[in-house]
Amino acid sequence: MINLNKIQLIGNLTMKPERKETKGGTNLCLFSIATNRTYKDPNGESKSSTQYHNCIAWKKLSEVITLISRKGSRVYVEGEVNYNEWTDDTGKKNKRTEIVVQNFILLESRREQEEEARMNNGNDTTPQSFDEF
């Protein structure tokens, strides 16, 4: 029997990806993507809704994502849905749904990145090439 757990999203990063390291030294990054949906209600009025998706990337992919992206970046993410449950130090049970990223594509051109950096008064700290990594 074949099983499939695959998700594809195109949206915008809601924050600069946060790079972390596990106790064992494995790199990871956490970020969130906003996706928008436009639809018509029963009265024919146009409506929109936004969904937020928690994402996690591991190892080298996490390093690259942190290097090339920033808050607001338009991205394509492909991965699998993971449901986590854990009990914290206080005994409280927690749940989190996240996308384990397997493929990440930045969907904006260098020109678009540079224009946005100029609009932000040059405050963009995103490296311009992999050589700076």
N, C-alpha and C. Protein backbone atom coordinates (compact mmCIF):
# COMPACT_ATOMS: atom_id res chain seq x y z
N MET A 1 0.84 -1.18 0.00
CA MET A 1 0.00 0.00 0.00
C MET A 1 0.89 1.25 0.00
N ILE A 2 0.58 2.19 -0.86
CA ILE A 2 1.34 3.43 -0.96
C ILE A 2 0.71 4.50 -0.08
N ASN A 3 1.57 5.24 0.62
CA ASN A 3 1.12 6.38 1.42
C ASN A 3 1.79 7.63 0.89
N LEU A 4 1.15 8.78 1.10
CA LEU A 4 1.72 10.04 0.63
C LEU A 4 1.42 11.13 1.64
N ASN A 5 2.46 11.85 2.05
CA ASN A 5 2.35 13.01 2.93
C ASN A 5 3.15 14.11 2.27
N LYS A 6 2.52 14.94 1.45
CA LYS A 6 3.21 15.96 0.67
C LYS A 6 2.36 17.22 0.64
N ILE A 7 3.02 18.37 0.82
CA ILE A 7 2.34 19.65 0.73
C ILE A 7 3.20 20.61 -0.07
N GLN A 8 2.54 21.46 -0.86
CA GLN A 8 3.20 22.49 -1.64
C GLN A 8 2.53 23.81 -1.31
N LEU A 9 3.34 24.82 -1.00
CA LEU A 9 2.82 26.14 -0.65
C LEU A 9 3.56 27.22 -1.42
N ILE A 10 2.86 28.25 -1.82
CA ILE A 10 3.47 29.48 -2.32
C ILE A 10 2.89 30.59 -1.48
N GLY A 11 3.78 31.36 -0.86
CA GLY A 11 3.33 32.45 0.00
C GLY A 11 4.49 33.34 0.36
N ASN A 12 4.26 34.15 1.40
CA ASN A 12 5.27 35.09 1.85
C ASN A 12 5.72 34.76 3.27
N LEU A 13 7.03 34.90 3.51
CA LEU A 13 7.56 34.68 4.85
C LEU A 13 7.05 35.77 5.78
N THR A 14 6.58 35.38 6.94
CA THR A 14 6.05 36.34 7.90
C THR A 14 7.14 36.89 8.82
N MET A 15 8.34 36.29 8.73
CA MET A 15 9.47 36.74 9.56
C MET A 15 10.76 36.25 8.91
N LYS A 16 11.86 36.84 9.31
CA LYS A 16 13.17 36.33 8.89
C LYS A 16 13.33 34.94 9.50
N PRO A 17 13.72 33.94 8.71
CA PRO A 17 13.90 32.60 9.30
C PRO A 17 14.86 32.63 10.48
N GLU A 18 14.46 31.94 11.54
CA GLU A 18 15.24 31.90 12.78
C GLU A 18 16.11 30.65 12.78
N ARG A 19 17.42 30.86 12.77
CA ARG A 19 18.36 29.74 12.74
C ARG A 19 18.67 29.29 14.17
N LYS A 20 18.65 27.97 14.37
CA LYS A 20 18.93 27.39 15.67
C LYS A 20 19.80 26.16 15.49
N GLU A 21 20.20 25.60 16.61
CA GLU A 21 21.00 24.38 16.60
C GLU A 21 20.47 23.47 17.71
N THR A 22 20.35 22.17 17.42
CA THR A 22 19.90 21.23 18.44
C THR A 22 21.03 21.01 19.44
N LYS A 23 20.70 20.37 20.56
CA LYS A 23 21.73 20.04 21.56
C LYS A 23 22.82 19.17 20.96
N GLY A 24 22.47 18.39 19.94
CA GLY A 24 23.43 17.52 19.28
C GLY A 24 24.23 18.22 18.19
N GLY A 25 23.94 19.51 17.94
CA GLY A 25 24.71 20.28 16.96
C GLY A 25 24.14 20.32 15.56
N THR A 26 22.91 19.84 15.35
CA THR A 26 22.30 19.86 14.02
C THR A 26 21.63 21.21 13.78
N ASN A 27 21.92 21.82 12.62
CA ASN A 27 21.32 23.10 12.26
C ASN A 27 19.86 22.94 11.86
N LEU A 28 19.06 23.93 12.21
CA LEU A 28 17.67 23.99 11.78
C LEU A 28 17.26 25.45 11.68
N CYS A 29 16.20 25.71 10.95
CA CYS A 29 15.63 27.05 10.97
C CYS A 29 14.11 26.93 11.01
N LEU A 30 13.51 27.90 11.67
CA LEU A 30 12.06 27.97 11.82
C LEU A 30 11.57 29.22 11.12
N PHE A 31 10.44 29.10 10.43
CA PHE A 31 9.83 30.27 9.80
C PHE A 31 8.35 29.98 9.57
N SER A 32 7.64 31.01 9.19
CA SER A 32 6.21 30.89 8.94
C SER A 32 5.90 31.50 7.57
N ILE A 33 4.99 30.86 6.85
CA ILE A 33 4.55 31.35 5.54
C ILE A 33 3.07 31.71 5.63
N ALA A 34 2.72 32.85 5.06
CA ALA A 34 1.32 33.26 4.94
C ALA A 34 0.85 32.97 3.53
N THR A 35 -0.28 32.28 3.42
CA THR A 35 -0.90 32.06 2.12
C THR A 35 -2.28 32.71 2.15
N ASN A 36 -2.66 33.29 1.02
CA ASN A 36 -3.94 33.99 0.93
C ASN A 36 -4.86 33.26 -0.02
N ARG A 37 -6.14 33.32 0.30
CA ARG A 37 -7.16 32.71 -0.54
C ARG A 37 -8.25 33.74 -0.76
N THR A 38 -8.64 33.94 -2.01
CA THR A 38 -9.73 34.85 -2.35
C THR A 38 -10.91 34.01 -2.82
N TYR A 39 -12.10 34.37 -2.38
CA TYR A 39 -13.29 33.64 -2.75
C TYR A 39 -14.49 34.58 -2.72
N LYS A 40 -15.60 34.12 -3.22
CA LYS A 40 -16.84 34.90 -3.17
C LYS A 40 -17.78 34.27 -2.15
N ASP A 41 -18.37 35.13 -1.32
CA ASP A 41 -19.34 34.64 -0.33
C ASP A 41 -20.68 34.38 -1.02
N PRO A 42 -21.67 33.84 -0.30
CA PRO A 42 -22.97 33.53 -0.93
C PRO A 42 -23.64 34.75 -1.58
N ASN A 43 -23.29 35.96 -1.15
CA ASN A 43 -23.86 37.17 -1.74
C ASN A 43 -23.07 37.66 -2.95
N GLY A 44 -22.01 36.94 -3.32
CA GLY A 44 -21.21 37.33 -4.47
C GLY A 44 -20.11 38.33 -4.16
N GLU A 45 -19.95 38.68 -2.88
CA GLU A 45 -18.90 39.63 -2.50
C GLU A 45 -17.56 38.92 -2.41
N SER A 46 -16.54 39.60 -2.88
CA SER A 46 -15.19 39.04 -2.83
C SER A 46 -14.66 39.12 -1.40
N LYS A 47 -14.14 38.02 -0.91
CA LYS A 47 -13.57 37.92 0.44
C LYS A 47 -12.18 37.30 0.33
N SER A 48 -11.40 37.49 1.36
CA SER A 48 -10.10 36.83 1.40
C SER A 48 -9.81 36.35 2.81
N SER A 49 -9.00 35.31 2.88
CA SER A 49 -8.58 34.80 4.18
C SER A 49 -7.10 34.43 4.09
N THR A 50 -6.43 34.51 5.21
CA THR A 50 -5.01 34.20 5.27
C THR A 50 -4.79 33.02 6.21
N GLN A 51 -3.97 32.09 5.77
CA GLN A 51 -3.57 30.96 6.60
C GLN A 51 -2.08 31.08 6.88
N TYR A 52 -1.67 30.71 8.08
CA TYR A 52 -0.26 30.76 8.47
C TYR A 52 0.24 29.34 8.69
N HIS A 53 1.40 29.04 8.11
CA HIS A 53 1.95 27.69 8.15
C HIS A 53 3.33 27.72 8.81
N ASN A 54 3.48 26.98 9.91
CA ASN A 54 4.78 26.86 10.58
C ASN A 54 5.65 25.90 9.79
N CYS A 55 6.90 26.29 9.58
CA CYS A 55 7.82 25.46 8.79
C CYS A 55 9.12 25.24 9.56
N ILE A 56 9.74 24.10 9.30
CA ILE A 56 11.05 23.79 9.86
C ILE A 56 11.90 23.16 8.76
N ALA A 57 13.13 23.61 8.65
CA ALA A 57 14.09 23.03 7.70
C ALA A 57 15.32 22.60 8.48
N TRP A 58 15.97 21.57 8.00
CA TRP A 58 17.09 20.97 8.70
C TRP A 58 18.39 21.04 7.90
N LYS A 59 19.50 20.97 8.61
CA LYS A 59 20.85 20.82 8.09
C LYS A 59 21.19 21.89 7.07
N LYS A 60 21.77 21.51 5.94
CA LYS A 60 22.27 22.48 4.95
C LYS A 60 21.13 23.34 4.38
N LEU A 61 19.97 22.74 4.16
CA LEU A 61 18.84 23.51 3.65
C LEU A 61 18.49 24.65 4.58
N SER A 62 18.57 24.42 5.89
CA SER A 62 18.26 25.49 6.86
C SER A 62 19.25 26.63 6.73
N GLU A 63 20.52 26.31 6.47
CA GLU A 63 21.54 27.35 6.31
C GLU A 63 21.28 28.19 5.07
N VAL A 64 20.92 27.53 3.97
CA VAL A 64 20.66 28.24 2.72
C VAL A 64 19.43 29.14 2.86
N ILE A 65 18.37 28.61 3.45
CA ILE A 65 17.14 29.40 3.63
C ILE A 65 17.43 30.65 4.44
N THR A 66 18.18 30.50 5.52
CA THR A 66 18.53 31.64 6.36
C THR A 66 19.35 32.65 5.58
N LEU A 67 20.21 32.17 4.71
CA LEU A 67 21.08 33.03 3.92
C LEU A 67 20.32 33.86 2.90
N ILE A 68 19.40 33.25 2.15
CA ILE A 68 18.83 33.92 0.98
C ILE A 68 17.49 34.60 1.21
N SER A 69 16.85 34.41 2.35
CA SER A 69 15.49 34.93 2.50
C SER A 69 15.38 35.90 3.66
N ARG A 70 14.28 36.64 3.62
CA ARG A 70 14.00 37.64 4.65
C ARG A 70 12.48 37.75 4.82
N LYS A 71 12.06 38.49 5.81
CA LYS A 71 10.64 38.71 6.02
C LYS A 71 10.03 39.30 4.76
N GLY A 72 8.90 38.75 4.33
CA GLY A 72 8.21 39.23 3.14
C GLY A 72 8.61 38.52 1.86
N SER A 73 9.68 37.73 1.88
CA SER A 73 10.11 37.03 0.66
C SER A 73 9.00 36.12 0.15
N ARG A 74 8.82 36.13 -1.16
CA ARG A 74 7.85 35.24 -1.81
C ARG A 74 8.57 33.92 -2.06
N VAL A 75 8.00 32.82 -1.58
CA VAL A 75 8.69 31.53 -1.64
C VAL A 75 7.75 30.39 -2.03
N TYR A 76 8.35 29.35 -2.55
CA TYR A 76 7.71 28.06 -2.78
C TYR A 76 8.32 27.09 -1.78
N VAL A 77 7.47 26.37 -1.07
CA VAL A 77 7.93 25.38 -0.10
C VAL A 77 7.23 24.06 -0.39
N GLU A 78 8.01 23.00 -0.38
CA GLU A 78 7.47 21.66 -0.54
C GLU A 78 7.98 20.82 0.63
N GLY A 79 7.10 20.02 1.19
CA GLY A 79 7.53 19.19 2.30
C GLY A 79 6.42 18.26 2.75
N GLU A 80 6.55 17.83 3.99
CA GLU A 80 5.53 16.95 4.56
C GLU A 80 4.98 17.56 5.83
N VAL A 81 3.73 17.23 6.13
CA VAL A 81 3.06 17.73 7.32
C VAL A 81 3.45 16.85 8.50
N ASN A 82 3.80 17.49 9.60
CA ASN A 82 4.21 16.78 10.80
C ASN A 82 3.41 17.32 11.99
N TYR A 83 2.84 16.44 12.78
CA TYR A 83 2.08 16.82 13.97
C TYR A 83 2.89 16.42 15.20
N ASN A 84 3.26 17.41 16.00
CA ASN A 84 4.06 17.15 17.20
C ASN A 84 3.22 17.36 18.45
N GLU A 85 3.43 16.51 19.42
CA GLU A 85 2.84 16.65 20.75
C GLU A 85 3.94 16.45 21.78
N TRP A 86 3.95 17.30 22.81
CA TRP A 86 4.94 17.18 23.86
C TRP A 86 4.40 17.78 25.14
N THR A 87 5.02 17.41 26.24
CA THR A 87 4.69 17.95 27.55
C THR A 87 5.86 18.80 28.00
N ASP A 88 5.58 20.06 28.37
CA ASP A 88 6.67 20.96 28.78
C ASP A 88 7.05 20.71 30.25
N ASP A 89 7.98 21.50 30.75
CA ASP A 89 8.50 21.32 32.11
C ASP A 89 7.44 21.51 33.18
N THR A 90 6.37 22.26 32.85
CA THR A 90 5.32 22.51 33.84
C THR A 90 4.23 21.44 33.79
N GLY A 91 4.36 20.48 32.86
CA GLY A 91 3.36 19.42 32.74
C GLY A 91 2.27 19.75 31.73
N LYS A 92 2.35 20.92 31.10
CA LYS A 92 1.34 21.31 30.11
C LYS A 92 1.59 20.58 28.80
N LYS A 93 0.50 20.02 28.23
CA LYS A 93 0.60 19.33 26.95
C LYS A 93 0.48 20.36 25.83
N ASN A 94 1.35 20.24 24.83
CA ASN A 94 1.39 21.17 23.70
C ASN A 94 1.26 20.40 22.40
N LYS A 95 0.73 21.09 21.38
CA LYS A 95 0.62 20.52 20.04
C LYS A 95 1.08 21.57 19.04
N ARG A 96 1.71 21.10 17.97
CA ARG A 96 2.16 22.00 16.92
C ARG A 96 2.13 21.24 15.60
N THR A 97 1.52 21.86 14.60
CA THR A 97 1.54 21.33 13.25
C THR A 97 2.57 22.12 12.46
N GLU A 98 3.45 21.43 11.75
CA GLU A 98 4.47 22.14 10.98
C GLU A 98 4.76 21.41 9.68
N ILE A 99 5.33 22.17 8.76
CA ILE A 99 5.76 21.62 7.49
C ILE A 99 7.26 21.34 7.60
N VAL A 100 7.66 20.10 7.40
CA VAL A 100 9.08 19.74 7.35
C VAL A 100 9.52 19.97 5.91
N VAL A 101 10.32 21.01 5.71
CA VAL A 101 10.67 21.47 4.37
C VAL A 101 11.68 20.54 3.71
N GLN A 102 11.36 20.14 2.49
CA GLN A 102 12.25 19.30 1.68
C GLN A 102 12.76 20.05 0.46
N ASN A 103 12.01 21.07 0.01
CA ASN A 103 12.40 21.85 -1.15
C ASN A 103 11.97 23.30 -0.91
N PHE A 104 12.84 24.24 -1.22
CA PHE A 104 12.59 25.66 -0.98
C PHE A 104 13.09 26.45 -2.18
N ILE A 105 12.21 27.29 -2.75
CA ILE A 105 12.61 28.13 -3.88
C ILE A 105 12.21 29.57 -3.59
N LEU A 106 13.18 30.46 -3.67
CA LEU A 106 12.92 31.89 -3.55
C LEU A 106 12.34 32.36 -4.87
N LEU A 107 11.14 32.97 -4.85
CA LEU A 107 10.43 33.31 -6.08
C LEU A 107 10.59 34.77 -6.51
N GLU A 108 11.50 35.48 -5.90
CA GLU A 108 11.69 36.87 -6.32
C GLU A 108 13.07 37.03 -6.93
N SER A 109 13.18 37.94 -7.85
CA SER A 109 14.45 38.16 -8.53
C SER A 109 15.37 39.02 -7.68
N ARG A 110 16.62 39.04 -8.04
CA ARG A 110 17.59 39.89 -7.35
C ARG A 110 17.17 41.35 -7.46
N ARG A 111 16.64 41.73 -8.63
CA ARG A 111 16.19 43.12 -8.84
C ARG A 111 15.08 43.47 -7.84
N GLU A 112 14.13 42.57 -7.65
CA GLU A 112 13.05 42.80 -6.69
C GLU A 112 13.60 42.92 -5.27
N GLN A 113 14.59 42.10 -4.94
CA GLN A 113 15.20 42.19 -3.61
C GLN A 113 15.91 43.52 -3.43
N GLU A 114 16.64 43.96 -4.46
CA GLU A 114 17.37 45.22 -4.38
C GLU A 114 16.42 46.42 -4.28
N GLU A 115 15.32 46.38 -5.04
CA GLU A 115 14.34 47.47 -4.97
C GLU A 115 13.73 47.56 -3.58
N GLU A 116 13.40 46.42 -3.01
CA GLU A 116 12.82 46.44 -1.67
C GLU A 116 13.84 46.93 -0.64
N ALA A 117 15.10 46.55 -0.81
CA ALA A 117 16.15 47.02 0.10
C ALA A 117 16.27 48.54 0.03
N ARG A 118 16.18 49.09 -1.20
CA ARG A 118 16.24 50.56 -1.34
C ARG A 118 15.06 51.22 -0.66
N MET A 119 13.87 50.62 -0.79
CA MET A 119 12.68 51.18 -0.15
C MET A 119 12.79 51.13 1.37
N ASN A 120 13.57 50.17 1.86
CA ASN A 120 13.78 50.04 3.31
C ASN A 120 15.02 50.81 3.75
N ASN A 121 15.43 51.79 2.95
CA ASN A 121 16.59 52.63 3.25
C ASN A 121 17.88 51.84 3.39
N GLY A 122 18.00 50.78 2.61
CA GLY A 122 19.24 50.01 2.62
C GLY A 122 19.44 49.17 3.86
N ASN A 123 18.38 48.93 4.63
CA ASN A 123 18.51 48.17 5.88
C ASN A 123 18.43 46.67 5.67
N ASP A 124 18.45 46.22 4.43
CA ASP A 124 18.40 44.78 4.17
C ASP A 124 19.77 44.17 4.42
N THR A 125 19.83 43.19 5.29
CA THR A 125 21.11 42.55 5.62
C THR A 125 21.26 41.19 4.95
N THR A 126 20.39 40.90 3.97
CA THR A 126 20.49 39.63 3.28
C THR A 126 21.74 39.61 2.42
N PRO A 127 22.61 38.62 2.58
CA PRO A 127 23.81 38.54 1.73
C PRO A 127 23.42 38.49 0.26
N GLN A 128 24.26 39.04 -0.61
CA GLN A 128 23.96 39.08 -2.03
C GLN A 128 24.43 37.85 -2.78
N SER A 129 25.25 37.01 -2.16
CA SER A 129 25.70 35.80 -2.85
C SER A 129 26.03 34.72 -1.83
N PHE A 130 26.15 33.50 -2.33
CA PHE A 130 26.52 32.39 -1.47
C PHE A 130 27.95 32.52 -0.98
N ASP A 131 28.78 33.32 -1.68
CA ASP A 131 30.16 33.50 -1.27
C ASP A 131 30.26 34.15 0.11
N GLU A 132 29.22 34.89 0.51
CA GLU A 132 29.24 35.58 1.80
C GLU A 132 28.83 34.63 2.93
N PHE A 133 28.44 33.41 2.59
CA PHE A 133 27.96 32.46 3.59
C PHE A 133 29.11 31.78 4.27
